Amino acid sequence: MKEATGELNMTVVTVVAIAALVAIFYAFIWPIIQANMALTSACSSAGQNGYTTTLDNGATVICGEGKCTITNAKGLGVNNMEKTCD
């Protein structure tokens, strides 16, 4: 019986650890990935012309002079992010 209890405790610890890692990913890493994807898409849409768009979450993407900037992206967890377009 003690072995079964020990295995259950280890399973609970493993599940909690995985849940913590997933929460950290979605809270900190995923918003940066989303903002980077939005900037990459804006760079490809802008070409040589200026480009401005507003995303669904209220963030503004402005492109011009070879770079794109995303502002007010609080829904993405990023305040300002800039990317140089190739």
PDB file of N, CA and C in Angstrom:
ATOM      1  N   MET A   1       0.816  -1.187   0.000  1.00  0.00           N
ATOM      2  CA  MET A   1       0.000   0.000   0.000  1.00  0.00           C
ATOM      3  C   MET A   1       0.868   1.262   0.000  1.00  0.00           C
ATOM      4  N   LYS A   2       2.015   1.212   0.707  1.00  0.00           N
ATOM      5  CA  LYS A   2       2.884   2.374   0.744  1.00  0.00           C
ATOM      6  C   LYS A   2       3.454   2.668  -0.635  1.00  0.00           C
ATOM      7  N   GLU A   3       3.726   1.623  -1.412  1.00  0.00           N
ATOM      8  CA  GLU A   3       4.255   1.834  -2.764  1.00  0.00           C
ATOM      9  C   GLU A   3       3.227   2.549  -3.637  1.00  0.00           C
ATOM     10  N   ALA A   4       1.981   2.173  -3.530  1.00  0.00           N
ATOM     11  CA  ALA A   4       0.931   2.804  -4.331  1.00  0.00           C
ATOM     12  C   ALA A   4       0.770   4.277  -3.944  1.00  0.00           C
ATOM     13  N   THR A   5       0.856   4.571  -2.666  1.00  0.00           N
ATOM     14  CA  THR A   5       0.757   5.959  -2.219  1.00  0.00           C
ATOM     15  C   THR A   5       1.929   6.767  -2.738  1.00  0.00           C
ATOM     16  N   GLY A   6       3.118   6.205  -2.721  1.00  0.00           N
ATOM     17  CA  GLY A   6       4.303   6.889  -3.228  1.00  0.00           C
ATOM     18  C   GLY A   6       4.202   7.169  -4.716  1.00  0.00           C
ATOM     19  N   GLU A   7       3.691   6.210  -5.462  1.00  0.00           N
ATOM     20  CA  GLU A   7       3.528   6.412  -6.900  1.00  0.00           C
ATOM     21  C   GLU A   7       2.474   7.478  -7.192  1.00  0.00           C
ATOM     22  N   LEU A   8       1.416   7.506  -6.401  1.00  0.00           N
ATOM     23  CA  LEU A   8       0.384   8.520  -6.572  1.00  0.00           C
ATOM     24  C   LEU A   8       0.949   9.907  -6.280  1.00  0.00           C
ATOM     25  N   ASN A   9       1.725  10.021  -5.217  1.00  0.00           N
ATOM     26  CA  ASN A   9       2.338  11.312  -4.888  1.00  0.00           C
ATOM     27  C   ASN A   9       3.255  11.772  -6.013  1.00  0.00           C
ATOM     28  N   MET A  10       4.025  10.875  -6.579  1.00  0.00           N
ATOM     29  CA  MET A  10       4.936  11.244  -7.660  1.00  0.00           C
ATOM     30  C   MET A  10       4.149  11.654  -8.903  1.00  0.00           C
ATOM     31  N   THR A  11       3.040  10.996  -9.161  1.00  0.00           N
ATOM     32  CA  THR A  11       2.193  11.363 -10.289  1.00  0.00           C
ATOM     33  C   THR A  11       1.625  12.767 -10.098  1.00  0.00           C
ATOM     34  N   VAL A  12       1.171  13.065  -8.898  1.00  0.00           N
ATOM     35  CA  VAL A  12       0.628  14.393  -8.603  1.00  0.00           C
ATOM     36  C   VAL A  12       1.709  15.451  -8.767  1.00  0.00           C
ATOM     37  N   VAL A  13       2.910  15.188  -8.277  1.00  0.00           N
ATOM     38  CA  VAL A  13       4.020  16.131  -8.412  1.00  0.00           C
ATOM     39  C   VAL A  13       4.334  16.365  -9.887  1.00  0.00           C
ATOM     40  N   THR A  14       4.345  15.302 -10.677  1.00  0.00           N
ATOM     41  CA  THR A  14       4.629  15.418 -12.112  1.00  0.00           C
ATOM     42  C   THR A  14       3.552  16.242 -12.819  1.00  0.00           C
ATOM     43  N   VAL A  15       2.288  15.979 -12.522  1.00  0.00           N
ATOM     44  CA  VAL A  15       1.192  16.717 -13.152  1.00  0.00           C
ATOM     45  C   VAL A  15       1.258  18.197 -12.771  1.00  0.00           C
ATOM     46  N   VAL A  16       1.530  18.492 -11.522  1.00  0.00           N
ATOM     47  CA  VAL A  16       1.636  19.885 -11.080  1.00  0.00           C
ATOM     48  C   VAL A  16       2.815  20.584 -11.753  1.00  0.00           C
ATOM     49  N   ALA A  17       3.941  19.889 -11.879  1.00  0.00           N
ATOM     50  CA  ALA A  17       5.116  20.475 -12.534  1.00  0.00           C
ATOM     51  C   ALA A  17       4.836  20.765 -14.012  1.00  0.00           C
ATOM     52  N   ILE A  18       4.178  19.853 -14.692  1.00  0.00           N
ATOM     53  CA  ILE A  18       3.844  20.067 -16.101  1.00  0.00           C
ATOM     54  C   ILE A  18       2.860  21.228 -16.238  1.00  0.00           C
ATOM     55  N   ALA A  19       1.872  21.307 -15.358  1.00  0.00           N
ATOM     56  CA  ALA A  19       0.913  22.409 -15.395  1.00  0.00           C
ATOM     57  C   ALA A  19       1.617  23.750 -15.165  1.00  0.00           C
ATOM     58  N   ALA A  20       2.597  23.782 -14.271  1.00  0.00           N
ATOM     59  CA  ALA A  20       3.346  25.023 -14.020  1.00  0.00           C
ATOM     60  C   ALA A  20       4.147  25.427 -15.255  1.00  0.00           C
ATOM     61  N   LEU A  21       4.769  24.482 -15.918  1.00  0.00           N
ATOM     62  CA  LEU A  21       5.525  24.791 -17.136  1.00  0.00           C
ATOM     63  C   LEU A  21       4.616  25.304 -18.250  1.00  0.00           C
ATOM     64  N   VAL A  22       3.456  24.703 -18.405  1.00  0.00           N
ATOM     65  CA  VAL A  22       2.502  25.147 -19.418  1.00  0.00           C
ATOM     66  C   VAL A  22       2.010  26.561 -19.100  1.00  0.00           C
ATOM     67  N   ALA A  23       1.745  26.838 -17.839  1.00  0.00           N
ATOM     68  CA  ALA A  23       1.287  28.172 -17.440  1.00  0.00           C
ATOM     69  C   ALA A  23       2.355  29.226 -17.720  1.00  0.00           C
ATOM     70  N   ILE A  24       3.604  28.914 -17.433  1.00  0.00           N
ATOM     71  CA  ILE A  24       4.700  29.849 -17.716  1.00  0.00           C
ATOM     72  C   ILE A  24       4.822  30.082 -19.219  1.00  0.00           C
ATOM     73  N   PHE A  25       4.697  29.018 -20.005  1.00  0.00           N
ATOM     74  CA  PHE A  25       4.780  29.146 -21.459  1.00  0.00           C
ATOM     75  C   PHE A  25       3.696  30.079 -21.980  1.00  0.00           C
ATOM     76  N   TYR A  26       2.448  29.846 -21.572  1.00  0.00           N
ATOM     77  CA  TYR A  26       1.344  30.657 -22.085  1.00  0.00           C
ATOM     78  C   TYR A  26       1.333  32.083 -21.528  1.00  0.00           C
ATOM     79  N   ALA A  27       1.911  32.288 -20.359  1.00  0.00           N
ATOM     80  CA  ALA A  27       1.916  33.627 -19.774  1.00  0.00           C
ATOM     81  C   ALA A  27       3.042  34.501 -20.313  1.00  0.00           C
ATOM     82  N   PHE A  28       4.198  33.900 -20.615  1.00  0.00           N
ATOM     83  CA  PHE A  28       5.363  34.708 -20.963  1.00  0.00           C
ATOM     84  C   PHE A  28       5.909  34.469 -22.366  1.00  0.00           C
ATOM     85  N   ILE A  29       5.954  33.238 -22.809  1.00  0.00           N
ATOM     86  CA  ILE A  29       6.605  32.929 -24.084  1.00  0.00           C
ATOM     87  C   ILE A  29       5.640  33.044 -25.259  1.00  0.00           C
ATOM     88  N   TRP A  30       4.440  32.525 -25.140  1.00  0.00           N
ATOM     89  CA  TRP A  30       3.480  32.535 -26.241  1.00  0.00           C
ATOM     90  C   TRP A  30       3.128  33.949 -26.717  1.00  0.00           C
ATOM     91  N   PRO A  31       2.938  34.932 -25.828  1.00  0.00           N
ATOM     92  CA  PRO A  31       2.658  36.293 -26.318  1.00  0.00           C
ATOM     93  C   PRO A  31       3.784  36.863 -27.177  1.00  0.00           C
ATOM     94  N   ILE A  32       5.013  36.569 -26.835  1.00  0.00           N
ATOM     95  CA  ILE A  32       6.139  37.052 -27.635  1.00  0.00           C
ATOM     96  C   ILE A  32       6.144  36.383 -29.003  1.00  0.00           C
ATOM     97  N   ILE A  33       5.826  35.097 -29.038  1.00  0.00           N
ATOM     98  CA  ILE A  33       5.752  34.386 -30.320  1.00  0.00           C
ATOM     99  C   ILE A  33       4.638  34.984 -31.184  1.00  0.00           C
ATOM    100  N   GLN A  34       3.474  35.270 -30.592  1.00  0.00           N
ATOM    101  CA  GLN A  34       2.369  35.862 -31.345  1.00  0.00           C
ATOM    102  C   GLN A  34       2.738  37.242 -31.890  1.00  0.00           C
ATOM    103  N   ALA A  35       3.384  38.061 -31.082  1.00  0.00           N
ATOM    104  CA  ALA A  35       3.786  39.393 -31.534  1.00  0.00           C
ATOM    105  C   ALA A  35       4.798  39.286 -32.670  1.00  0.00           C
ATOM    106  N   ASN A  36       5.726  38.353 -32.563  1.00  0.00           N
ATOM    107  CA  ASN A  36       6.722  38.166 -33.612  1.00  0.00           C
ATOM    108  C   ASN A  36       6.070  37.696 -34.909  1.00  0.00           C
ATOM    109  N   MET A  37       5.069  36.820 -34.810  1.00  0.00           N
ATOM    110  CA  MET A  37       4.358  36.368 -36.011  1.00  0.00           C
ATOM    111  C   MET A  37       3.603  37.527 -36.652  1.00  0.00           C
ATOM    112  N   ALA A  38       3.000  38.390 -35.829  1.00  0.00           N
ATOM    113  CA  ALA A  38       2.283  39.549 -36.359  1.00  0.00           C
ATOM    114  C   ALA A  38       3.243  40.497 -37.073  1.00  0.00           C
ATOM    115  N   LEU A  39       4.424  40.699 -36.507  1.00  0.00           N
ATOM    116  CA  LEU A  39       5.415  41.573 -37.141  1.00  0.00           C
ATOM    117  C   LEU A  39       5.934  40.975 -38.438  1.00  0.00           C
ATOM    118  N   THR A  40       6.176  39.683 -38.456  1.00  0.00           N
ATOM    119  CA  THR A  40       6.636  39.015 -39.670  1.00  0.00           C
ATOM    120  C   THR A  40       5.599  39.125 -40.776  1.00  0.00           C
ATOM    121  N   SER A  41       4.340  38.918 -40.423  1.00  0.00           N
ATOM    122  CA  SER A  41       3.262  39.047 -41.404  1.00  0.00           C
ATOM    123  C   SER A  41       3.156  40.474 -41.920  1.00  0.00           C
ATOM    124  N   ALA A  42       3.294  41.445 -41.024  1.00  0.00           N
ATOM    125  CA  ALA A  42       3.224  42.844 -41.436  1.00  0.00           C
ATOM    126  C   ALA A  42       4.387  43.206 -42.348  1.00  0.00           C
ATOM    127  N   CYS A  43       5.569  42.687 -42.062  1.00  0.00           N
ATOM    128  CA  CYS A  43       6.738  42.968 -42.907  1.00  0.00           C
ATOM    129  C   CYS A  43       6.514  42.437 -44.321  1.00  0.00           C
ATOM    130  N   SER A  44       5.951  41.236 -44.415  1.00  0.00           N
ATOM    131  CA  SER A  44       5.734  40.679 -45.747  1.00  0.00           C
ATOM    132  C   SER A  44       4.606  41.417 -46.472  1.00  0.00           C
ATOM    133  N   SER A  45       3.642  41.946 -45.749  1.00  0.00           N
ATOM    134  CA  SER A  45       2.544  42.695 -46.372  1.00  0.00           C
ATOM    135  C   SER A  45       2.968  44.099 -46.783  1.00  0.00           C
ATOM    136  N   ALA A  46       3.897  44.672 -46.048  1.00  0.00           N
ATOM    137  CA  ALA A  46       4.271  46.060 -46.284  1.00  0.00           C
ATOM    138  C   ALA A  46       5.073  46.235 -47.565  1.00  0.00           C
ATOM    139  N   GLY A  47       5.982  45.325 -47.849  1.00  0.00           N
ATOM    140  CA  GLY A  47       6.854  45.496 -49.009  1.00  0.00           C
ATOM    141  C   GLY A  47       7.662  46.767 -48.864  1.00  0.00           C
ATOM    142  N   GLN A  48       7.707  47.604 -49.879  1.00  0.00           N
ATOM    143  CA  GLN A  48       8.450  48.856 -49.828  1.00  0.00           C
ATOM    144  C   GLN A  48       7.580  50.022 -49.379  1.00  0.00           C
ATOM    145  N   ASN A  49       6.291  49.808 -49.253  1.00  0.00           N
ATOM    146  CA  ASN A  49       5.360  50.881 -48.891  1.00  0.00           C
ATOM    147  C   ASN A  49       5.138  50.912 -47.388  1.00  0.00           C
ATOM    148  N   GLY A  50       4.639  52.013 -46.911  1.00  0.00           N
ATOM    149  CA  GLY A  50       4.240  52.090 -45.516  1.00  0.00           C
ATOM    150  C   GLY A  50       3.010  51.230 -45.293  1.00  0.00           C
ATOM    151  N   TYR A  51       2.828  50.757 -44.077  1.00  0.00           N
ATOM    152  CA  TYR A  51       1.732  49.840 -43.781  1.00  0.00           C
ATOM    153  C   TYR A  51       1.321  50.039 -42.332  1.00  0.00           C
ATOM    154  N   THR A  52       0.046  50.162 -42.081  1.00  0.00           N
ATOM    155  CA  THR A  52      -0.473  50.282 -40.725  1.00  0.00           C
ATOM    156  C   THR A  52      -1.716  49.411 -40.619  1.00  0.00           C
ATOM    157  N   THR A  53      -1.818  48.671 -39.532  1.00  0.00           N
ATOM    158  CA  THR A  53      -2.989  47.844 -39.300  1.00  0.00           C
ATOM    159  C   THR A  53      -3.243  47.723 -37.807  1.00  0.00           C
ATOM    160  N   THR A  54      -4.460  47.419 -37.456  1.00  0.00           N
ATOM    161  CA  THR A  54      -4.827  47.180 -36.063  1.00  0.00           C
ATOM    162  C   THR A  54      -5.250  45.727 -35.942  1.00  0.00           C
ATOM    163  N   LEU A  55      -4.664  45.031 -34.991  1.00  0.00           N
ATOM    164  CA  LEU A  55      -4.984  43.621 -34.779  1.00  0.00           C
ATOM    165  C   LEU A  55      -6.270  43.487 -33.970  1.00  0.00           C
ATOM    166  N   ASP A  56      -6.785  42.276 -33.897  1.00  0.00           N
ATOM    167  CA  ASP A  56      -8.036  42.013 -33.179  1.00  0.00           C
ATOM    168  C   ASP A  56      -7.959  42.387 -31.703  1.00  0.00           C
ATOM    169  N   ASN A  57      -6.781  42.289 -31.121  1.00  0.00           N
ATOM    170  CA  ASN A  57      -6.644  42.573 -29.689  1.00  0.00           C
ATOM    171  C   ASN A  57      -6.360  44.046 -29.400  1.00  0.00           C
ATOM    172  N   GLY A  58      -6.413  44.898 -30.416  1.00  0.00           N
ATOM    173  CA  GLY A  58      -6.209  46.328 -30.228  1.00  0.00           C
ATOM    174  C   GLY A  58      -4.791  46.804 -30.462  1.00  0.00           C
ATOM    175  N   ALA A  59      -3.874  45.892 -30.706  1.00  0.00           N
ATOM    176  CA  ALA A  59      -2.491  46.278 -30.964  1.00  0.00           C
ATOM    177  C   ALA A  59      -2.387  46.932 -32.340  1.00  0.00           C
ATOM    178  N   THR A  60      -1.464  47.873 -32.471  1.00  0.00           N
ATOM    179  CA  THR A  60      -1.249  48.573 -33.730  1.00  0.00           C
ATOM    180  C   THR A  60       0.100  48.173 -34.298  1.00  0.00           C
ATOM    181  N   VAL A  61       0.116  47.815 -35.579  1.00  0.00           N
ATOM    182  CA  VAL A  61       1.349  47.475 -36.282  1.00  0.00           C
ATOM    183  C   VAL A  61       1.602  48.557 -37.322  1.00  0.00           C
ATOM    184  N   ILE A  62       2.763  49.203 -37.238  1.00  0.00           N
ATOM    185  CA  ILE A  62       3.142  50.268 -38.163  1.00  0.00           C
ATOM    186  C   ILE A  62       4.449  49.871 -38.827  1.00  0.00           C
ATOM    187  N   CYS A  63       4.462  49.898 -40.164  1.00  0.00           N
ATOM    188  CA  CYS A  63       5.666  49.549 -40.916  1.00  0.00           C
ATOM    189  C   CYS A  63       6.083  50.727 -41.787  1.00  0.00           C
ATOM    190  N   GLY A  64       7.353  50.907 -41.915  1.00  0.00           N
ATOM    191  CA  GLY A  64       7.894  51.940 -42.774  1.00  0.00           C
ATOM    192  C   GLY A  64       9.402  52.005 -42.623  1.00  0.00           C
ATOM    193  N   GLU A  65      10.074  52.407 -43.667  1.00  0.00           N
ATOM    194  CA  GLU A  65      11.525  52.555 -43.679  1.00  0.00           C
ATOM    195  C   GLU A  65      12.253  51.281 -43.260  1.00  0.00           C
ATOM    196  N   GLY A  66      11.737  50.145 -43.679  1.00  0.00           N
ATOM    197  CA  GLY A  66      12.421  48.871 -43.451  1.00  0.00           C
ATOM    198  C   GLY A  66      12.253  48.274 -42.075  1.00  0.00           C
ATOM    199  N   LYS A  67      11.325  48.768 -41.287  1.00  0.00           N
ATOM    200  CA  LYS A  67      11.085  48.159 -39.983  1.00  0.00           C
ATOM    201  C   LYS A  67       9.606  48.230 -39.631  1.00  0.00           C
ATOM    202  N   CYS A  68       9.172  47.285 -38.810  1.00  0.00           N
ATOM    203  CA  CYS A  68       7.795  47.245 -38.330  1.00  0.00           C
ATOM    204  C   CYS A  68       7.822  47.301 -36.808  1.00  0.00           C
ATOM    205  N   THR A  69       6.858  48.011 -36.252  1.00  0.00           N
ATOM    206  CA  THR A  69       6.755  48.162 -34.806  1.00  0.00           C
ATOM    207  C   THR A  69       5.339  47.800 -34.384  1.00  0.00           C
ATOM    208  N   ILE A  70       5.232  47.036 -33.308  1.00  0.00           N
ATOM    209  CA  ILE A  70       3.926  46.711 -32.746  1.00  0.00           C
ATOM    210  C   ILE A  70       3.813  47.464 -31.417  1.00  0.00           C
ATOM    211  N   THR A  71       2.720  48.196 -31.227  1.00  0.00           N
ATOM    212  CA  THR A  71       2.505  48.967 -30.008  1.00  0.00           C
ATOM    213  C   THR A  71       1.149  48.638 -29.417  1.00  0.00           C
ATOM    214  N   ASN A  72       0.984  48.952 -28.159  1.00  0.00           N
ATOM    215  CA  ASN A  72      -0.268  48.708 -27.437  1.00  0.00           C
ATOM    216  C   ASN A  72      -0.701  47.256 -27.523  1.00  0.00           C
ATOM    217  N   ALA A  73       0.247  46.356 -27.458  1.00  0.00           N
ATOM    218  CA  ALA A  73      -0.060  44.932 -27.568  1.00  0.00           C
ATOM    219  C   ALA A  73      -0.225  44.301 -26.199  1.00  0.00           C
ATOM    220  N   LYS A  74      -0.928  44.975 -25.323  1.00  0.00           N
ATOM    221  CA  LYS A  74      -1.095  44.450 -23.975  1.00  0.00           C
ATOM    222  C   LYS A  74      -1.837  43.116 -23.980  1.00  0.00           C
ATOM    223  N   GLY A  75      -2.686  42.901 -24.981  1.00  0.00           N
ATOM    224  CA  GLY A  75      -3.351  41.615 -25.111  1.00  0.00           C
ATOM    225  C   GLY A  75      -2.370  40.495 -25.417  1.00  0.00           C
ATOM    226  N   LEU A  76      -1.223  40.868 -25.998  1.00  0.00           N
ATOM    227  CA  LEU A  76      -0.187  39.891 -26.270  1.00  0.00           C
ATOM    228  C   LEU A  76       0.860  39.855 -25.162  1.00  0.00           C
ATOM    229  N   GLY A  77       0.743  40.723 -24.188  1.00  0.00           N
ATOM    230  CA  GLY A  77       1.714  40.765 -23.117  1.00  0.00           C
ATOM    231  C   GLY A  77       2.988  41.496 -23.489  1.00  0.00           C
ATOM    232  N   VAL A  78       2.957  42.230 -24.604  1.00  0.00           N
ATOM    233  CA  VAL A  78       4.120  42.962 -25.084  1.00  0.00           C
ATOM    234  C   VAL A  78       3.694  44.413 -25.274  1.00  0.00           C
ATOM    235  N   ASN A  79       4.414  45.348 -24.695  1.00  0.00           N
ATOM    236  CA  ASN A  79       4.055  46.754 -24.877  1.00  0.00           C
ATOM    237  C   ASN A  79       4.541  47.282 -26.218  1.00  0.00           C
ATOM    238  N   ASN A  80       5.793  47.136 -26.506  1.00  0.00           N
ATOM    239  CA  ASN A  80       6.360  47.586 -27.782  1.00  0.00           C
ATOM    240  C   ASN A  80       7.370  46.549 -28.252  1.00  0.00           C
ATOM    241  N   MET A  81       7.347  46.278 -29.534  1.00  0.00           N
ATOM    242  CA  MET A  81       8.290  45.332 -30.112  1.00  0.00           C
ATOM    243  C   MET A  81       8.583  45.793 -31.527  1.00  0.00           C
ATOM    244  N   GLU A  82       9.831  45.685 -31.942  1.00  0.00           N
ATOM    245  CA  GLU A  82      10.234  46.183 -33.250  1.00  0.00           C
ATOM    246  C   GLU A  82      10.978  45.094 -34.008  1.00  0.00           C
ATOM    247  N   LYS A  83      10.780  45.059 -35.320  1.00  0.00           N
ATOM    248  CA  LYS A  83      11.450  44.073 -36.154  1.00  0.00           C
ATOM    249  C   LYS A  83      11.921  44.754 -37.428  1.00  0.00           C
ATOM    250  N   THR A  84      13.158  44.487 -37.827  1.00  0.00           N
ATOM    251  CA  THR A  84      13.679  45.001 -39.080  1.00  0.00           C
ATOM    252  C   THR A  84      13.252  44.056 -40.198  1.00  0.00           C
ATOM    253  N   CYS A  85      12.636  44.631 -41.226  1.00  0.00           N
ATOM    254  CA  CYS A  85      12.166  43.838 -42.365  1.00  0.00           C
ATOM    255  C   CYS A  85      13.305  43.662 -43.368  1.00  0.00           C
ATOM    256  N   ASP A  86      13.396  42.472 -43.904  1.00  0.00           N
ATOM    257  CA  ASP A  86      14.427  42.184 -44.919  1.00  0.00           C
ATOM    258  C   ASP A  86      13.968  42.561 -46.293  1.00  0.00           C
TER     259      ASP A  86
END
